[in-house]
Amino acid sequence: MKNDETKIHPDPLRYKIGIGLIPKIGPVLTRRLIAYCGSAEGVFAEKRARLSKIPGIGDKLVDHIVNHKNLEIADQEIAFIEQHKIKALFYLDPDYPERLRQCEDAPVVMYVKGNTELNRVKVLSIVGTRNPTDYGRSMTREFIEMLAASYPDVLVVSGLAYGIDICAHKAALKHGLDTAGILGHGLSVIYPSVHQEVARQMAEKGALITEFRHDEKPESPNFVKRNRIIAGLADATLVVESGERGGALITADIANSYNRDVFAFPGRINDAFSVGCNRLIKTNKAALVENLADLEYLMGWQKADKPGEAIQKELFVELSPEEKLLTDLLRSESNATIDQLAIHGNMPVSKVSGLLLNMEFKGVVKCLPGKVYKLVH
């Protein structure tokens, strides 16, 4: 059943990287290929006839799959990452970010320069306009200073771009927080070049992350594409300032599609760089926050970080057997809709709805946009 021309190379990383280089096949279809063939190696070793029968794959895509230039490029990539001490994280690897793994369009392979823990308890993305006002810069710095004082283990994620992004990275570094920059190009360059020193510090106290091979240039479509990593890597996305359009709003929309929390600082109604944030709030696509206390309340962070309160909650909040079942389901799934909970809990939707309302009153769960529920940790 295997392609006789293909000999399996002993290094599985070659195939993990190579499968992500196949043209015209995105992350979703790549996962389907791997599921059908059993592994990345199996995709390259499979016969054309069998590949063409996989849903979504036709003869033209098979031509791309069996083209061994992808593996030759993968060999070049391995040489580069080994030389520069860069990690390649495959989506099935145990150290691949778990939050991102839950997103069906997440990168099949990511390259990470740095040693920070991406699967830590708290991860927050902070994004905004590339042309911030003094208000936006001030709010970013003050917020991160308070964040560092209360949660020194939080990871701050942004895009290393001009404006709010670089302001967030610098503030995180200043106050001792790990910070990760998601790049829209390969790791052979840093764009913009004026951020090279900050990027160097981030590689030591945080990480530089990209899905693009090392020689990929910074092009506009890449920056739009990388926004899904910024949204998917974190528990929540905070938009500080944004005009009517921009990458920050794209990131917020993606975060909402992933059922992640989105927050925004409000601004003056006649301020061009607050239009986007105000609209997110007005259309219920983001919760209004004015300070760290607001985010703590909405995320339930203060309960998680005060042991006395956590013990009291465990001791004095009584849950029925059905409520405990829903709690267990939410703990395993991170968040879920009423319909999903009804299916997995084998209960009517009306019953689940009533239970969740009661659990909200008890402070056990909270409702996110789109009627998605998560535990208040």
Protein backbone atom coordinates (compact mmCIF):
# COMPACT_ATOMS: atom_id res chain seq x y z
CA MET A 1 0.00 0.00 0.00
CA LYS A 2 2.99 2.31 0.29
CA ASN A 3 4.78 4.39 -2.37
CA ASP A 4 7.82 2.27 -3.31
CA GLU A 5 9.83 5.40 -4.20
CA THR A 6 9.63 6.76 -0.66
CA LYS A 7 12.10 5.58 1.95
CA ILE A 8 11.36 6.63 5.50
CA HIS A 9 14.08 8.84 6.93
CA PRO A 10 14.97 8.13 10.58
CA ASP A 11 14.27 11.72 11.72
CA PRO A 12 10.48 12.18 12.20
CA LEU A 13 10.96 15.97 12.46
CA ARG A 14 11.72 15.98 8.73
CA TYR A 15 8.17 14.84 7.99
CA LYS A 16 6.53 17.01 10.66
CA ILE A 17 8.08 20.10 9.11
CA GLY A 18 7.70 18.84 5.55
CA ILE A 19 3.97 18.27 5.81
CA GLY A 20 3.50 21.90 6.85
CA LEU A 21 5.31 23.02 3.69
CA ILE A 22 2.92 21.34 1.24
CA PRO A 23 1.36 24.11 -0.92
CA LYS A 24 -2.39 24.72 -0.98
CA ILE A 25 -3.04 22.46 2.02
CA GLY A 26 -3.87 24.35 5.20
CA PRO A 27 -3.78 23.21 8.84
CA VAL A 28 -7.28 21.68 8.82
CA LEU A 29 -6.67 19.53 5.76
CA THR A 30 -3.19 18.61 6.98
CA ARG A 31 -4.69 17.22 10.18
CA ARG A 32 -7.11 15.17 8.11
CA LEU A 33 -4.24 13.75 6.06
CA ILE A 34 -2.37 12.74 9.20
CA ALA A 35 -5.50 11.20 10.71
CA TYR A 36 -6.06 9.06 7.61
CA CYS A 37 -2.42 8.03 7.18
CA GLY A 38 -1.58 7.61 10.86
CA SER A 39 1.40 9.97 11.02
CA ALA A 40 3.26 12.68 9.14
CA GLU A 41 5.67 10.02 7.84
CA GLY A 42 2.72 7.97 6.64
CA VAL A 43 1.43 10.82 4.48
CA PHE A 44 4.67 10.95 2.47
CA ALA A 45 4.87 7.16 2.19
CA GLU A 46 1.28 6.63 1.08
CA LYS A 47 0.37 5.67 -2.49
CA ARG A 48 -1.18 8.30 -4.77
CA ALA A 49 -4.36 6.28 -5.28
CA ARG A 50 -5.10 6.14 -1.57
CA LEU A 51 -4.22 9.80 -1.03
CA SER A 52 -6.61 10.92 -3.77
CA LYS A 53 -9.50 9.16 -2.01
CA ILE A 54 -9.09 11.17 1.20
CA PRO A 55 -11.93 13.75 1.46
CA GLY A 56 -10.75 17.15 0.26
CA ILE A 57 -7.74 15.75 -1.61
CA GLY A 58 -7.75 15.48 -5.40
CA ASP A 59 -5.14 14.70 -8.03
CA LYS A 60 -3.73 18.24 -8.06
CA LEU A 61 -3.15 18.24 -4.30
CA VAL A 62 -1.66 14.75 -4.49
CA ASP A 63 0.95 16.17 -6.88
CA HIS A 64 1.97 18.65 -4.18
CA ILE A 65 2.05 15.97 -1.48
CA VAL A 66 4.34 13.55 -3.32
CA ASN A 67 6.71 16.32 -4.41
CA HIS A 68 9.84 15.55 -2.40
CA LYS A 69 11.09 19.13 -2.64
CA ASN A 70 9.02 19.72 0.51
CA LEU A 71 11.24 17.29 2.40
CA GLU A 72 14.39 18.86 0.97
CA ILE A 73 13.23 22.25 2.24
CA ALA A 74 12.45 20.63 5.59
CA ASP A 75 16.05 19.41 5.77
CA GLN A 76 17.24 23.01 5.27
CA GLU A 77 14.87 24.16 8.01
CA ILE A 78 16.18 21.56 10.44
CA ALA A 79 19.75 22.72 9.77
CA PHE A 80 18.74 26.32 10.51
CA ILE A 81 16.84 25.63 13.73
CA GLU A 82 19.59 23.37 15.06
CA GLN A 83 22.20 26.04 14.36
CA HIS A 84 20.17 28.77 16.09
CA LYS A 85 18.76 26.67 18.96
CA ILE A 86 15.15 27.00 17.84
CA LYS A 87 12.47 24.49 18.84
CA ALA A 88 9.98 23.10 16.34
CA LEU A 89 6.67 22.22 18.01
CA PHE A 90 4.41 19.79 16.14
CA TYR A 91 0.71 19.99 17.03
CA LEU A 92 0.72 16.46 18.48
CA ASP A 93 3.82 17.06 20.62
CA PRO A 94 3.15 17.22 24.40
CA ASP A 95 4.78 20.65 24.74
CA TYR A 96 2.71 22.21 21.95
CA PRO A 97 0.56 24.97 23.55
CA GLU A 98 -2.62 23.27 24.72
CA ARG A 99 -4.81 26.36 24.27
CA LEU A 100 -3.69 26.65 20.66
CA ARG A 101 -4.12 22.92 20.04
CA GLN A 102 -7.86 23.39 20.71
CA CYS A 103 -8.10 25.67 17.62
CA GLU A 104 -8.71 23.61 14.49
CA ASP A 105 -6.78 26.03 12.25
CA ALA A 106 -3.75 26.31 14.54
CA PRO A 107 -0.33 25.83 12.90
CA VAL A 108 0.75 22.25 12.37
CA VAL A 109 4.31 23.29 13.25
CA MET A 110 5.53 26.35 15.17
CA TYR A 111 9.09 27.55 15.62
CA VAL A 112 10.00 28.91 19.05
CA LYS A 113 13.12 30.87 19.97
CA GLY A 114 13.21 30.99 23.77
CA ASN A 115 12.59 28.78 26.76
CA THR A 116 9.39 30.14 28.29
CA GLU A 117 6.55 27.81 29.33
CA LEU A 118 3.67 28.31 26.88
CA ASN A 119 1.30 26.04 28.83
CA ARG A 120 1.31 28.11 31.99
CA VAL A 121 -1.79 28.85 34.06
CA LYS A 122 -2.35 32.43 32.84
CA VAL A 123 -1.69 33.80 29.36
CA LEU A 124 -2.95 37.21 28.20
CA SER A 125 -2.72 38.72 24.71
CA ILE A 126 -2.52 42.51 24.48
CA VAL A 127 -2.99 44.16 21.09
CA GLY A 128 -3.83 47.53 19.62
CA THR A 129 -3.18 50.14 16.99
CA ARG A 130 0.23 50.79 15.46
CA ASN A 131 -0.37 54.51 15.99
CA PRO A 132 -1.29 54.79 19.67
CA THR A 133 -2.05 57.97 21.55
CA ASP A 134 -0.37 58.92 24.82
CA TYR A 135 -3.52 57.58 26.50
CA GLY A 136 -3.07 54.14 24.89
CA ARG A 137 0.60 53.88 25.76
CA SER A 138 -0.06 55.04 29.32
CA MET A 139 -2.92 52.58 29.83
CA THR A 140 -0.78 49.72 28.51
CA ARG A 141 2.15 50.50 30.80
CA GLU A 142 0.03 51.05 33.89
CA PHE A 143 -2.01 47.91 33.28
CA ILE A 144 1.06 45.71 32.82
CA GLU A 145 2.72 47.21 35.90
CA MET A 146 -0.32 46.23 37.98
CA LEU A 147 -0.49 42.85 36.26
CA ALA A 148 3.14 42.08 37.12
CA ALA A 149 2.63 43.07 40.75
CA SER A 150 -0.32 40.70 41.19
CA TYR A 151 0.53 37.87 38.78
CA PRO A 152 4.30 37.59 38.22
CA ASP A 153 3.88 34.29 36.36
CA VAL A 154 1.52 35.56 33.66
CA LEU A 155 2.70 35.39 30.03
CA VAL A 156 2.03 38.51 27.92
CA VAL A 157 1.54 37.80 24.20
CA SER A 158 1.58 40.34 21.36
CA GLY A 159 2.83 40.81 17.80
CA LEU A 160 6.13 42.77 18.11
CA ALA A 161 4.61 45.44 15.83
CA TYR A 162 4.82 49.19 16.18
CA GLY A 163 2.51 50.86 18.69
CA ILE A 164 0.66 49.00 21.42
CA ASP A 165 2.39 45.68 20.65
CA ILE A 166 5.92 46.87 21.30
CA CYS A 167 4.72 48.99 24.23
CA ALA A 168 3.26 45.83 25.85
CA HIS A 169 6.45 43.82 25.25
CA LYS A 170 8.68 46.56 26.69
CA ALA A 171 6.47 47.03 29.74
CA ALA A 172 6.41 43.29 30.39
CA LEU A 173 10.20 43.09 30.20
CA LYS A 174 10.58 46.14 32.44
CA HIS A 175 8.42 44.58 35.15
CA GLY A 176 9.88 41.08 34.95
CA LEU A 177 7.12 39.30 33.03
CA ASP A 178 7.77 36.73 30.32
CA THR A 179 6.49 37.97 26.97
CA ALA A 180 6.02 36.19 23.62
CA GLY A 181 6.08 37.90 20.24
CA ILE A 182 4.19 36.25 17.38
CA LEU A 183 5.95 37.02 14.10
CA GLY A 184 4.60 37.37 10.59
CA HIS A 185 7.85 36.11 9.03
CA GLY A 186 10.67 33.64 9.57
CA LEU A 187 13.26 33.80 12.33
CA SER A 188 16.16 34.79 10.08
CA VAL A 189 15.01 38.42 10.36
CA ILE A 190 13.23 40.67 12.83
CA TYR A 191 10.62 43.10 11.54
CA PRO A 192 10.53 45.96 12.19
CA SER A 193 14.31 46.04 12.49
CA VAL A 194 14.20 48.76 15.18
CA HIS A 195 12.73 46.12 17.52
CA GLN A 196 15.73 43.79 17.27
CA GLU A 197 17.06 44.61 20.75
CA VAL A 198 13.64 44.04 22.33
CA ALA A 199 13.36 40.78 20.39
CA ARG A 200 16.75 39.67 21.71
CA GLN A 201 15.59 40.30 25.28
CA MET A 202 12.35 38.44 24.61
CA ALA A 203 14.26 35.38 23.40
CA GLU A 204 15.89 35.37 26.85
CA LYS A 205 12.83 36.31 28.91
CA GLY A 206 9.96 34.89 26.89
CA ALA A 207 9.87 33.73 23.29
CA LEU A 208 9.72 34.61 19.62
CA ILE A 209 7.20 32.41 17.83
CA THR A 210 6.36 31.91 14.17
CA GLU A 211 4.77 29.35 11.87
CA PHE A 212 6.82 30.53 8.89
CA ARG A 213 10.04 28.92 7.69
CA HIS A 214 13.21 30.84 8.49
CA ASP A 215 13.60 32.59 5.12
CA GLU A 216 9.95 33.72 4.83
CA LYS A 217 9.79 37.50 4.32
CA PRO A 218 7.48 39.87 6.25
CA GLU A 219 4.50 40.24 3.90
CA SER A 220 1.06 41.66 4.68
CA PRO A 221 -0.92 38.38 4.45
CA ASN A 222 1.45 36.79 6.96
CA PHE A 223 0.61 39.36 9.63
CA VAL A 224 -3.11 38.73 9.23
CA LYS A 225 -2.48 34.99 9.41
CA ARG A 226 -0.39 35.23 12.58
CA ASN A 227 -3.22 37.00 14.44
CA ARG A 228 -4.94 33.67 15.02
CA ILE A 229 -1.91 32.51 17.02
CA ILE A 230 -2.06 35.64 19.18
CA ALA A 231 -5.74 34.93 19.85
CA GLY A 232 -5.43 31.16 20.29
CA LEU A 233 -2.39 31.13 22.53
CA ALA A 234 -4.09 33.07 25.34
CA ASP A 235 -7.00 32.80 27.76
CA ALA A 236 -8.11 36.29 26.75
CA THR A 237 -7.28 39.16 24.40
CA LEU A 238 -7.18 42.76 25.59
CA VAL A 239 -7.57 45.48 22.94
CA VAL A 240 -6.10 48.75 24.20
CA GLU A 241 -6.69 51.11 21.27
CA SER A 242 -7.91 50.50 17.73
CA GLY A 243 -9.20 52.53 14.84
CA GLU A 244 -12.19 51.57 12.73
CA ARG A 245 -10.10 48.84 11.08
CA GLY A 246 -6.89 47.03 11.89
CA GLY A 247 -5.16 43.88 12.98
CA ALA A 248 -6.27 44.26 16.59
CA LEU A 249 -9.92 43.97 15.56
CA ILE A 250 -9.11 40.92 13.44
CA THR A 251 -7.45 39.34 16.46
CA ALA A 252 -10.48 40.16 18.62
CA ASP A 253 -12.84 38.56 16.08
CA ILE A 254 -10.70 35.43 15.94
CA ALA A 255 -10.58 35.25 19.74
CA ASN A 256 -14.38 35.45 19.83
CA SER A 257 -14.59 32.66 17.25
CA TYR A 258 -12.42 30.54 19.55
CA ASN A 259 -14.79 31.30 22.46
CA ARG A 260 -12.03 33.16 24.27
CA ASP A 261 -12.60 36.21 26.43
CA VAL A 262 -12.13 39.59 24.75
CA PHE A 263 -11.71 42.86 26.66
CA ALA A 264 -11.30 46.45 25.53
CA PHE A 265 -10.40 49.76 27.11
CA PRO A 266 -13.03 52.42 26.33
CA GLY A 267 -12.05 55.74 24.77
CA ARG A 268 -13.52 59.13 23.91
CA ILE A 269 -16.34 58.93 21.37
CA ASN A 270 -14.60 61.40 19.04
CA ASP A 271 -11.17 59.76 19.25
CA ALA A 272 -10.26 58.02 15.97
CA PHE A 273 -8.13 55.44 17.76
CA SER A 274 -10.89 54.46 20.16
CA VAL A 275 -13.54 53.78 17.52
CA GLY A 276 -12.66 50.10 17.29
CA CYS A 277 -12.62 49.47 21.04
CA ASN A 278 -15.86 51.37 21.61
CA ARG A 279 -17.55 49.40 18.84
CA LEU A 280 -16.36 46.07 20.27
CA ILE A 281 -17.88 47.03 23.60
CA LYS A 282 -21.10 48.42 22.09
CA THR A 283 -21.70 45.27 20.03
CA ASN A 284 -20.94 42.95 22.98
CA LYS A 285 -17.86 41.56 21.24
CA ALA A 286 -15.68 42.70 24.14
CA ALA A 287 -16.23 43.37 27.81
CA LEU A 288 -15.36 46.85 29.03
CA VAL A 289 -12.36 47.00 31.35
CA GLU A 290 -10.83 50.07 32.94
CA ASN A 291 -8.20 48.43 35.15
CA LEU A 292 -6.77 45.12 36.33
CA ALA A 293 -9.54 44.68 38.90
CA ASP A 294 -12.11 44.53 36.10
CA LEU A 295 -10.17 41.83 34.26
CA GLU A 296 -9.64 39.90 37.50
CA TYR A 297 -13.36 39.90 38.20
CA LEU A 298 -14.34 38.89 34.66
CA MET A 299 -11.72 36.13 34.45
CA GLY A 300 -12.21 34.96 38.02
CA TRP A 301 -8.47 35.30 38.60
CA GLN A 302 -8.69 36.80 42.07
CA LYS A 303 -10.41 33.65 43.36
CA ALA A 304 -7.69 31.42 41.93
CA ASP A 305 -4.85 33.38 43.48
CA LYS A 306 -6.25 33.76 47.01
CA PRO A 307 -6.03 30.31 48.68
CA GLY A 308 -8.34 31.28 51.53
CA GLU A 309 -11.15 32.16 49.13
CA ALA A 310 -10.59 29.00 47.11
CA ILE A 311 -10.88 26.86 50.24
CA GLN A 312 -14.03 28.68 51.36
CA LYS A 313 -15.61 28.17 47.95
CA GLU A 314 -14.83 24.47 48.09
CA LEU A 315 -16.21 24.18 51.63
CA PHE A 316 -19.36 26.25 51.44
CA VAL A 317 -20.66 26.01 47.86
CA GLU A 318 -22.74 22.87 47.67
CA LEU A 319 -23.31 21.36 44.25
CA SER A 320 -25.91 18.79 43.29
CA PRO A 321 -24.73 15.61 41.53
CA GLU A 322 -25.87 17.07 38.18
CA GLU A 323 -24.05 20.34 38.86
CA LYS A 324 -20.92 18.38 39.75
CA LEU A 325 -21.24 16.52 36.44
CA LEU A 326 -21.37 19.83 34.52
CA THR A 327 -18.41 21.10 36.53
CA ASP A 328 -16.38 18.01 35.57
CA LEU A 329 -17.33 18.43 31.91
CA LEU A 330 -16.27 22.09 31.90
CA ARG A 331 -13.03 21.25 33.67
CA SER A 332 -12.15 18.73 30.97
CA GLU A 333 -13.31 20.84 28.01
CA SER A 334 -12.17 24.31 29.22
CA ASN A 335 -15.44 25.81 27.94
CA ALA A 336 -18.59 24.56 26.22
CA THR A 337 -22.00 25.57 24.92
CA ILE A 338 -25.27 24.52 26.53
CA ASP A 339 -25.89 22.09 23.66
CA GLN A 340 -22.49 20.46 24.11
CA LEU A 341 -23.02 20.08 27.84
CA ALA A 342 -26.48 18.63 27.26
CA ILE A 343 -25.10 16.03 24.84
CA HIS A 344 -22.13 14.99 26.98
CA GLY A 345 -24.15 15.12 30.20
CA ASN A 346 -27.08 13.21 28.66
CA MET A 347 -29.57 15.83 29.90
CA PRO A 348 -32.21 17.98 28.21
CA VAL A 349 -31.09 21.46 27.16
CA SER A 350 -33.75 23.04 29.38
CA LYS A 351 -32.39 21.14 32.39
CA VAL A 352 -28.79 22.16 31.66
CA SER A 353 -29.84 25.80 31.18
CA GLY A 354 -31.47 25.88 34.62
CA LEU A 355 -28.49 24.21 36.27
CA LEU A 356 -26.05 26.66 34.70
CA LEU A 357 -28.11 29.63 35.83
CA ASN A 358 -28.05 28.33 39.39
CA MET A 359 -24.30 27.70 39.12
CA GLU A 360 -23.81 31.29 37.93
CA PHE A 361 -25.58 32.56 41.05
CA LYS A 362 -23.21 30.40 43.13
CA GLY A 363 -20.19 31.89 41.36
CA VAL A 364 -19.10 28.54 39.93
CA VAL A 365 -19.45 29.30 36.19
CA LYS A 366 -19.71 32.35 34.00
CA CYS A 367 -21.35 32.92 30.63
CA LEU A 368 -19.19 34.15 27.74
CA PRO A 369 -20.36 35.70 24.46
CA GLY A 370 -22.21 33.17 22.32
CA LYS A 371 -23.71 31.39 25.34
CA VAL A 372 -20.47 29.59 26.02
CA TYR A 373 -19.79 28.64 29.64
CA LYS A 374 -16.53 28.24 31.56
CA LEU A 375 -15.61 27.58 35.16
CA VAL A 376 -14.70 30.45 37.44
CA HIS A 377 -11.38 29.14 38.70
